[in-house]
C-alpha cells in the first residue's frame, strides 16, 4: 500500500478537480466539492489548510472512490 503525501488543501482541491469534481461553494476556510457528472459520489469538504492530516486525506480519497496509488498519480 502506498503512502499518502503531505499536501495542502489547495493541492488536494486541484487533484480532485482532475477527477471531475467542481467547487460548489466555500464558507470560510472550507471548500465543498461535488462530482460534476456522477452525483452518486459523496460530496467532499476540504479545508484550505497548509497541511491536511493524513486521516482526513485518506477519508477524502476513500469518499472519492479511488485508491491511494491513483491519487498519488494525480499529484
PDB file of N, CA and C in Angstrom:
ATOM      1  N   UNK A   1       0.844  -1.171   0.000  1.00  0.00           N
ATOM      2  CA  UNK A   1       0.000   0.000   0.000  1.00  0.00           C
ATOM      3  C   UNK A   1       0.893   1.239   0.000  1.00  0.00           C
ATOM      4  N   UNK A   2       0.581   2.177  -0.863  1.00  0.00           N
ATOM      5  CA  UNK A   2       1.353   3.416  -0.961  1.00  0.00           C
ATOM      6  C   UNK A   2       1.025   4.351   0.183  1.00  0.00           C
ATOM      7  N   UNK A   3       1.956   5.228   0.451  1.00  0.00           N
ATOM      8  CA  UNK A   3       1.739   6.221   1.490  1.00  0.00           C
ATOM      9  C   UNK A   3       1.122   7.471   0.888  1.00  0.00           C
ATOM     10  N   UNK A   4       0.329   8.148   1.693  1.00  0.00           N
ATOM     11  CA  UNK A   4      -0.230   9.422   1.268  1.00  0.00           C
ATOM     12  C   UNK A   4       0.800  10.518   1.486  1.00  0.00           C
ATOM     13  N   UNK A   5       0.899  11.451   0.566  1.00  0.00           N
ATOM     14  CA  UNK A   5       1.857  12.543   0.732  1.00  0.00           C
ATOM     15  C   UNK A   5       1.318  13.600   1.695  1.00  0.00           C
ATOM     16  N   UNK A   6       2.181  14.468   2.143  1.00  0.00           N
ATOM     17  CA  UNK A   6       1.769  15.616   2.948  1.00  0.00           C
ATOM     18  C   UNK A   6       1.521  16.759   1.974  1.00  0.00           C
ATOM     19  N   UNK A   7       0.248  17.163   1.847  1.00  0.00           N
ATOM     20  CA  UNK A   7      -0.104  18.217   0.896  1.00  0.00           C
ATOM     21  C   UNK A   7      -1.025  19.234   1.557  1.00  0.00           C
ATOM     22  N   UNK A   8      -1.208  20.361   0.884  1.00  0.00           N
ATOM     23  CA  UNK A   8      -2.096  21.412   1.374  1.00  0.00           C
ATOM     24  C   UNK A   8      -3.515  21.169   0.862  1.00  0.00           C
ATOM     25  N   UNK A   9      -4.453  21.891   1.425  1.00  0.00           N
ATOM     26  CA  UNK A   9      -5.829  21.809   0.967  1.00  0.00           C
ATOM     27  C   UNK A   9      -5.973  22.269  -0.473  1.00  0.00           C
ATOM     28  N   UNK A  10      -5.228  23.312  -0.851  1.00  0.00           N
ATOM     29  CA  UNK A  10      -5.267  23.830  -2.232  1.00  0.00           C
ATOM     30  C   UNK A  10      -4.827  22.749  -3.221  1.00  0.00           C
ATOM     31  N   UNK A  11      -3.772  22.030  -2.887  1.00  0.00           N
ATOM     32  CA  UNK A  11      -3.253  20.972  -3.764  1.00  0.00           C
ATOM     33  C   UNK A  11      -4.271  19.839  -3.879  1.00  0.00           C
ATOM     34  N   UNK A  12      -4.933  19.510  -2.770  1.00  0.00           N
ATOM     35  CA  UNK A  12      -5.953  18.458  -2.792  1.00  0.00           C
ATOM     36  C   UNK A  12      -7.115  18.861  -3.692  1.00  0.00           C
ATOM     37  N   UNK A  13      -7.529  20.125  -3.616  1.00  0.00           N
ATOM     38  CA  UNK A  13      -8.623  20.614  -4.465  1.00  0.00           C
ATOM     39  C   UNK A  13      -8.252  20.444  -5.932  1.00  0.00           C
ATOM     40  N   UNK A  14      -7.038  20.806  -6.302  1.00  0.00           N
ATOM     41  CA  UNK A  14      -6.588  20.676  -7.698  1.00  0.00           C
ATOM     42  C   UNK A  14      -6.600  19.211  -8.152  1.00  0.00           C
ATOM     43  N   UNK A  15      -6.207  18.303  -7.273  1.00  0.00           N
ATOM     44  CA  UNK A  15      -6.216  16.878  -7.619  1.00  0.00           C
ATOM     45  C   UNK A  15      -7.639  16.377  -7.847  1.00  0.00           C
ATOM     46  N   UNK A  16      -8.554  16.758  -6.977  1.00  0.00           N
ATOM     47  CA  UNK A  16      -9.930  16.298  -7.128  1.00  0.00           C
ATOM     48  C   UNK A  16     -10.613  16.953  -8.329  1.00  0.00           C
ATOM     49  N   UNK A  17     -10.193  18.161  -8.701  1.00  0.00           N
ATOM     50  CA  UNK A  17     -10.719  18.777  -9.921  1.00  0.00           C
ATOM     51  C   UNK A  17     -10.328  17.956 -11.145  1.00  0.00           C
ATOM     52  N   UNK A  18      -9.144  17.356 -11.133  1.00  0.00           N
ATOM     53  CA  UNK A  18      -8.709  16.494 -12.239  1.00  0.00           C
ATOM     54  C   UNK A  18      -9.600  15.260 -12.365  1.00  0.00           C
ATOM     55  N   UNK A  19     -10.232  14.856 -11.254  1.00  0.00           N
ATOM     56  CA  UNK A  19     -11.118  13.687 -11.250  1.00  0.00           C
ATOM     57  C   UNK A  19     -12.550  14.032 -11.647  1.00  0.00           C
ATOM     58  N   UNK A  20     -12.832  15.307 -11.898  1.00  0.00           N
ATOM     59  CA  UNK A  20     -14.178  15.695 -12.301  1.00  0.00           C
ATOM     60  C   UNK A  20     -14.994  16.362 -11.211  1.00  0.00           C
ATOM     61  N   UNK A  21     -14.389  16.638 -10.068  1.00  0.00           N
ATOM     62  CA  UNK A  21     -15.091  17.354  -9.004  1.00  0.00           C
ATOM     63  C   UNK A  21     -15.029  18.850  -9.283  1.00  0.00           C
ATOM     64  N   UNK A  22     -16.098  19.557  -8.924  1.00  0.00           N
ATOM     65  CA  UNK A  22     -16.146  21.009  -9.099  1.00  0.00           C
ATOM     66  C   UNK A  22     -16.463  21.661  -7.755  1.00  0.00           C
ATOM     67  N   UNK A  23     -15.968  22.862  -7.577  1.00  0.00           N
ATOM     68  CA  UNK A  23     -16.248  23.620  -6.357  1.00  0.00           C
ATOM     69  C   UNK A  23     -17.660  24.175  -6.463  1.00  0.00           C
ATOM     70  N   UNK A  24     -18.498  23.868  -5.481  1.00  0.00           N
ATOM     71  CA  UNK A  24     -19.862  24.382  -5.494  1.00  0.00           C
ATOM     72  C   UNK A  24     -20.043  25.533  -4.517  1.00  0.00           C
ATOM     73  N   UNK A  25     -19.241  25.551  -3.462  1.00  0.00           N
ATOM     74  CA  UNK A  25     -19.309  26.691  -2.544  1.00  0.00           C
ATOM     75  C   UNK A  25     -18.105  26.659  -1.609  1.00  0.00           C
ATOM     76  N   UNK A  26     -17.900  27.810  -0.982  1.00  0.00           N
ATOM     77  CA  UNK A  26     -16.847  27.924   0.019  1.00  0.00           C
ATOM     78  C   UNK A  26     -17.374  28.784   1.146  1.00  0.00           C
ATOM     79  N   UNK A  27     -17.173  28.324   2.355  1.00  0.00           N
ATOM     80  CA  UNK A  27     -17.559  29.098   3.529  1.00  0.00           C
ATOM     81  C   UNK A  27     -16.359  29.109   4.461  1.00  0.00           C
ATOM     82  N   UNK A  28     -15.795  30.275   4.653  1.00  0.00           N
ATOM     83  CA  UNK A  28     -14.598  30.377   5.477  1.00  0.00           C
ATOM     84  C   UNK A  28     -13.449  29.651   4.814  1.00  0.00           C
ATOM     85  N   UNK A  29     -12.842  28.746   5.545  1.00  0.00           N
ATOM     86  CA  UNK A  29     -11.683  28.034   5.004  1.00  0.00           C
ATOM     87  C   UNK A  29     -12.046  26.659   4.449  1.00  0.00           C
ATOM     88  N   UNK A  30     -13.328  26.354   4.315  1.00  0.00           N
ATOM     89  CA  UNK A  30     -13.738  25.037   3.839  1.00  0.00           C
ATOM     90  C   UNK A  30     -14.360  25.121   2.445  1.00  0.00           C
ATOM     91  N   UNK A  31     -13.907  24.244   1.562  1.00  0.00           N
ATOM     92  CA  UNK A  31     -14.383  24.193   0.185  1.00  0.00           C
ATOM     93  C   UNK A  31     -15.233  22.940   0.020  1.00  0.00           C
ATOM     94  N   UNK A  32     -16.419  23.103  -0.556  1.00  0.00           N
ATOM     95  CA  UNK A  32     -17.328  21.982  -0.805  1.00  0.00           C
ATOM     96  C   UNK A  32     -17.265  21.644  -2.287  1.00  0.00           C
ATOM     97  N   UNK A  33     -17.047  20.360  -2.599  1.00  0.00           N
ATOM     98  CA  UNK A  33     -16.933  19.920  -3.993  1.00  0.00           C
ATOM     99  C   UNK A  33     -17.903  18.776  -4.263  1.00  0.00           C
ATOM    100  N   UNK A  34     -18.489  18.793  -5.462  1.00  0.00           N
ATOM    101  CA  UNK A  34     -19.332  17.697  -5.935  1.00  0.00           C
ATOM    102  C   UNK A  34     -18.755  17.172  -7.224  1.00  0.00           C
ATOM    103  N   UNK A  35     -19.034  15.905  -7.513  1.00  0.00           N
ATOM    104  CA  UNK A  35     -18.597  15.337  -8.790  1.00  0.00           C
ATOM    105  C   UNK A  35     -19.531  15.864  -9.874  1.00  0.00           C
ATOM    106  N   UNK A  36     -18.946  16.360 -10.950  1.00  0.00           N
ATOM    107  CA  UNK A  36     -19.714  17.033 -11.992  1.00  0.00           C
ATOM    108  C   UNK A  36     -20.703  16.110 -12.702  1.00  0.00           C
ATOM    109  N   UNK A  37     -20.300  14.895 -13.031  1.00  0.00           N
ATOM    110  CA  UNK A  37     -21.171  14.025 -13.822  1.00  0.00           C
ATOM    111  C   UNK A  37     -21.797  12.880 -13.028  1.00  0.00           C
ATOM    112  N   UNK A  38     -21.188  12.457 -11.940  1.00  0.00           N
ATOM    113  CA  UNK A  38     -21.682  11.319 -11.166  1.00  0.00           C
ATOM    114  C   UNK A  38     -22.157  11.800  -9.796  1.00  0.00           C
ATOM    115  N   UNK A  39     -23.437  12.123  -9.706  1.00  0.00           N
ATOM    116  CA  UNK A  39     -23.988  12.662  -8.456  1.00  0.00           C
ATOM    117  C   UNK A  39     -24.132  11.601  -7.368  1.00  0.00           C
ATOM    118  N   UNK A  40     -23.905  10.324  -7.712  1.00  0.00           N
ATOM    119  CA  UNK A  40     -23.995   9.284  -6.690  1.00  0.00           C
ATOM    120  C   UNK A  40     -22.759   9.273  -5.786  1.00  0.00           C
ATOM    121  N   UNK A  41     -21.670   9.932  -6.220  1.00  0.00           N
ATOM    122  CA  UNK A  41     -20.467  10.013  -5.383  1.00  0.00           C
ATOM    123  C   UNK A  41     -20.690  11.018  -4.260  1.00  0.00           C
ATOM    124  N   UNK A  42     -20.062  10.757  -3.130  1.00  0.00           N
ATOM    125  CA  UNK A  42     -20.214  11.637  -1.973  1.00  0.00           C
ATOM    126  C   UNK A  42     -19.597  13.003  -2.244  1.00  0.00           C
ATOM    127  N   UNK A  43     -20.224  14.065  -1.744  1.00  0.00           N
ATOM    128  CA  UNK A  43     -19.577  15.381  -1.838  1.00  0.00           C
ATOM    129  C   UNK A  43     -18.372  15.429  -0.902  1.00  0.00           C
ATOM    130  N   UNK A  44     -17.391  16.239  -1.255  1.00  0.00           N
ATOM    131  CA  UNK A  44     -16.169  16.359  -0.465  1.00  0.00           C
ATOM    132  C   UNK A  44     -16.101  17.738   0.172  1.00  0.00           C
ATOM    133  N   UNK A  45     -15.687  17.808   1.417  1.00  0.00           N
ATOM    134  CA  UNK A  45     -15.435  19.069   2.097  1.00  0.00           C
ATOM    135  C   UNK A  45     -13.954  19.100   2.445  1.00  0.00           C
ATOM    136  N   UNK A  46     -13.250  20.073   1.855  1.00  0.00           N
ATOM    137  CA  UNK A  46     -11.799  20.141   2.008  1.00  0.00           C
ATOM    138  C   UNK A  46     -11.419  21.455   2.682  1.00  0.00           C
ATOM    139  N   UNK A  47     -10.747  21.406   3.835  1.00  0.00           N
ATOM    140  CA  UNK A  47     -10.286  22.646   4.465  1.00  0.00           C
ATOM    141  C   UNK A  47      -9.071  23.204   3.730  1.00  0.00           C
ATOM    142  N   UNK A  48      -8.997  24.520   3.616  1.00  0.00           N
ATOM    143  CA  UNK A  48      -7.862  25.161   2.946  1.00  0.00           C
ATOM    144  C   UNK A  48      -6.733  25.383   3.947  1.00  0.00           C
ATOM    145  N   UNK A  49      -6.254  24.313   4.537  1.00  0.00           N
ATOM    146  CA  UNK A  49      -5.152  24.401   5.486  1.00  0.00           C
ATOM    147  C   UNK A  49      -3.827  24.206   4.757  1.00  0.00           C
ATOM    148  N   UNK A  50      -2.757  24.630   5.399  1.00  0.00           N
ATOM    149  CA  UNK A  50      -1.430  24.454   4.797  1.00  0.00           C
ATOM    150  C   UNK A  50      -1.050  22.983   4.717  1.00  0.00           C
ATOM    151  N   UNK A  51      -1.484  22.202   5.697  1.00  0.00           N
ATOM    152  CA  UNK A  51      -1.201  20.762   5.719  1.00  0.00           C
ATOM    153  C   UNK A  51      -2.481  20.033   6.116  1.00  0.00           C
ATOM    154  N   UNK A  52      -2.883  19.057   5.286  1.00  0.00           N
ATOM    155  CA  UNK A  52      -4.036  18.228   5.624  1.00  0.00           C
ATOM    156  C   UNK A  52      -3.559  17.025   6.426  1.00  0.00           C
ATOM    157  N   UNK A  53      -4.314  16.670   7.433  1.00  0.00           N
ATOM    158  CA  UNK A  53      -3.981  15.483   8.211  1.00  0.00           C
ATOM    159  C   UNK A  53      -4.107  14.229   7.359  1.00  0.00           C
ATOM    160  N   UNK A  54      -3.294  13.236   7.657  1.00  0.00           N
ATOM    161  CA  UNK A  54      -3.315  12.005   6.855  1.00  0.00           C
ATOM    162  C   UNK A  54      -4.650  11.282   6.956  1.00  0.00           C
ATOM    163  N   UNK A  55      -5.269  11.305   8.131  1.00  0.00           N
ATOM    164  CA  UNK A  55      -6.569  10.652   8.289  1.00  0.00           C
ATOM    165  C   UNK A  55      -7.638  11.320   7.445  1.00  0.00           C
ATOM    166  N   UNK A  56      -7.635  12.652   7.418  1.00  0.00           N
ATOM    167  CA  UNK A  56      -8.598  13.390   6.605  1.00  0.00           C
ATOM    168  C   UNK A  56      -8.361  13.122   5.126  1.00  0.00           C
ATOM    169  N   UNK A  57      -7.113  13.157   4.701  1.00  0.00           N
ATOM    170  CA  UNK A  57      -6.795  12.921   3.293  1.00  0.00           C
ATOM    171  C   UNK A  57      -7.191  11.500   2.886  1.00  0.00           C
ATOM    172  N   UNK A  58      -6.952  10.529   3.756  1.00  0.00           N
ATOM    173  CA  UNK A  58      -7.348   9.145   3.462  1.00  0.00           C
ATOM    174  C   UNK A  58      -8.864   9.042   3.318  1.00  0.00           C
ATOM    175  N   UNK A  59      -9.619   9.749   4.169  1.00  0.00           N
ATOM    176  CA  UNK A  59     -11.081   9.732   4.080  1.00  0.00           C
ATOM    177  C   UNK A  59     -11.549  10.369   2.776  1.00  0.00           C
ATOM    178  N   UNK A  60     -10.923  11.475   2.371  1.00  0.00           N
ATOM    179  CA  UNK A  60     -11.293  12.123   1.115  1.00  0.00           C
ATOM    180  C   UNK A  60     -11.046  11.192  -0.073  1.00  0.00           C
ATOM    181  N   UNK A  61      -9.919  10.498  -0.058  1.00  0.00           N
ATOM    182  CA  UNK A  61      -9.595   9.553  -1.135  1.00  0.00           C
ATOM    183  C   UNK A  61     -10.617   8.418  -1.156  1.00  0.00           C
ATOM    184  N   UNK A  62     -10.973   7.911   0.014  1.00  0.00           N
ATOM    185  CA  UNK A  62     -11.967   6.835   0.101  1.00  0.00           C
ATOM    186  C   UNK A  62     -13.332   7.317  -0.389  1.00  0.00           C
ATOM    187  N   UNK A  63     -13.744   8.528   0.012  1.00  0.00           N
ATOM    188  CA  UNK A  63     -15.037   9.070  -0.416  1.00  0.00           C
ATOM    189  C   UNK A  63     -15.082   9.306  -1.927  1.00  0.00           C
ATOM    190  N   UNK A  64     -13.938   9.612  -2.521  1.00  0.00           N
ATOM    191  CA  UNK A  64     -13.870   9.812  -3.971  1.00  0.00           C
ATOM    192  C   UNK A  64     -13.822   8.479  -4.719  1.00  0.00           C
ATOM    193  N   UNK A  65     -13.757   7.378  -3.980  1.00  0.00           N
ATOM    194  CA  UNK A  65     -13.754   6.030  -4.540  1.00  0.00           C
ATOM    195  C   UNK A  65     -12.562   5.786  -5.472  1.00  0.00           C
ATOM    196  N   UNK A  66     -11.384   6.232  -5.029  1.00  0.00           N
ATOM    197  CA  UNK A  66     -10.151   5.957  -5.764  1.00  0.00           C
ATOM    198  C   UNK A  66      -9.143   5.361  -4.787  1.00  0.00           C
ATOM    199  N   UNK A  67      -8.087   4.792  -5.323  1.00  0.00           N
ATOM    200  CA  UNK A  67      -7.047   4.218  -4.466  1.00  0.00           C
ATOM    201  C   UNK A  67      -5.986   5.278  -4.160  1.00  0.00           C
ATOM    202  N   UNK A  68      -5.170   4.993  -3.174  1.00  0.00           N
ATOM    203  CA  UNK A  68      -4.077   5.897  -2.811  1.00  0.00           C
ATOM    204  C   UNK A  68      -3.107   6.032  -3.985  1.00  0.00           C
ATOM    205  N   UNK A  69      -2.869   4.926  -4.684  1.00  0.00           N
ATOM    206  CA  UNK A  69      -1.969   4.959  -5.843  1.00  0.00           C
ATOM    207  C   UNK A  69      -2.508   5.890  -6.927  1.00  0.00           C
ATOM    208  N   UNK A  70      -3.828   5.813  -7.194  1.00  0.00           N
ATOM    209  CA  UNK A  70      -4.440   6.690  -8.199  1.00  0.00           C
ATOM    210  C   UNK A  70      -4.317   8.152  -7.783  1.00  0.00           C
ATOM    211  N   UNK A  71      -4.506   8.413  -6.496  1.00  0.00           N
ATOM    212  CA  UNK A  71      -4.392   9.785  -6.007  1.00  0.00           C
ATOM    213  C   UNK A  71      -2.963  10.295  -6.176  1.00  0.00           C
ATOM    214  N   UNK A  72      -1.991   9.461  -5.844  1.00  0.00           N
ATOM    215  CA  UNK A  72      -0.584   9.865  -5.968  1.00  0.00           C
ATOM    216  C   UNK A  72      -0.212  10.167  -7.415  1.00  0.00           C
ATOM    217  N   UNK A  73      -0.817   9.481  -8.372  1.00  0.00           N
ATOM    218  CA  UNK A  73      -0.545   9.741  -9.787  1.00  0.00           C
ATOM    219  C   UNK A  73      -1.058  11.110 -10.224  1.00  0.00           C
ATOM    220  N   UNK A  74      -2.079  11.625  -9.534  1.00  0.00           N
ATOM    221  CA  UNK A  74      -2.649  12.929  -9.885  1.00  0.00           C
ATOM    222  C   UNK A  74      -1.770  14.089  -9.431  1.00  0.00           C
ATOM    223  N   UNK A  75      -0.850  13.835  -8.514  1.00  0.00           N
ATOM    224  CA  UNK A  75      -0.019  14.914  -7.972  1.00  0.00           C
ATOM    225  C   UNK A  75       1.029  15.381  -8.947  1.00  0.00           C
TER     226      UNK A  75
END
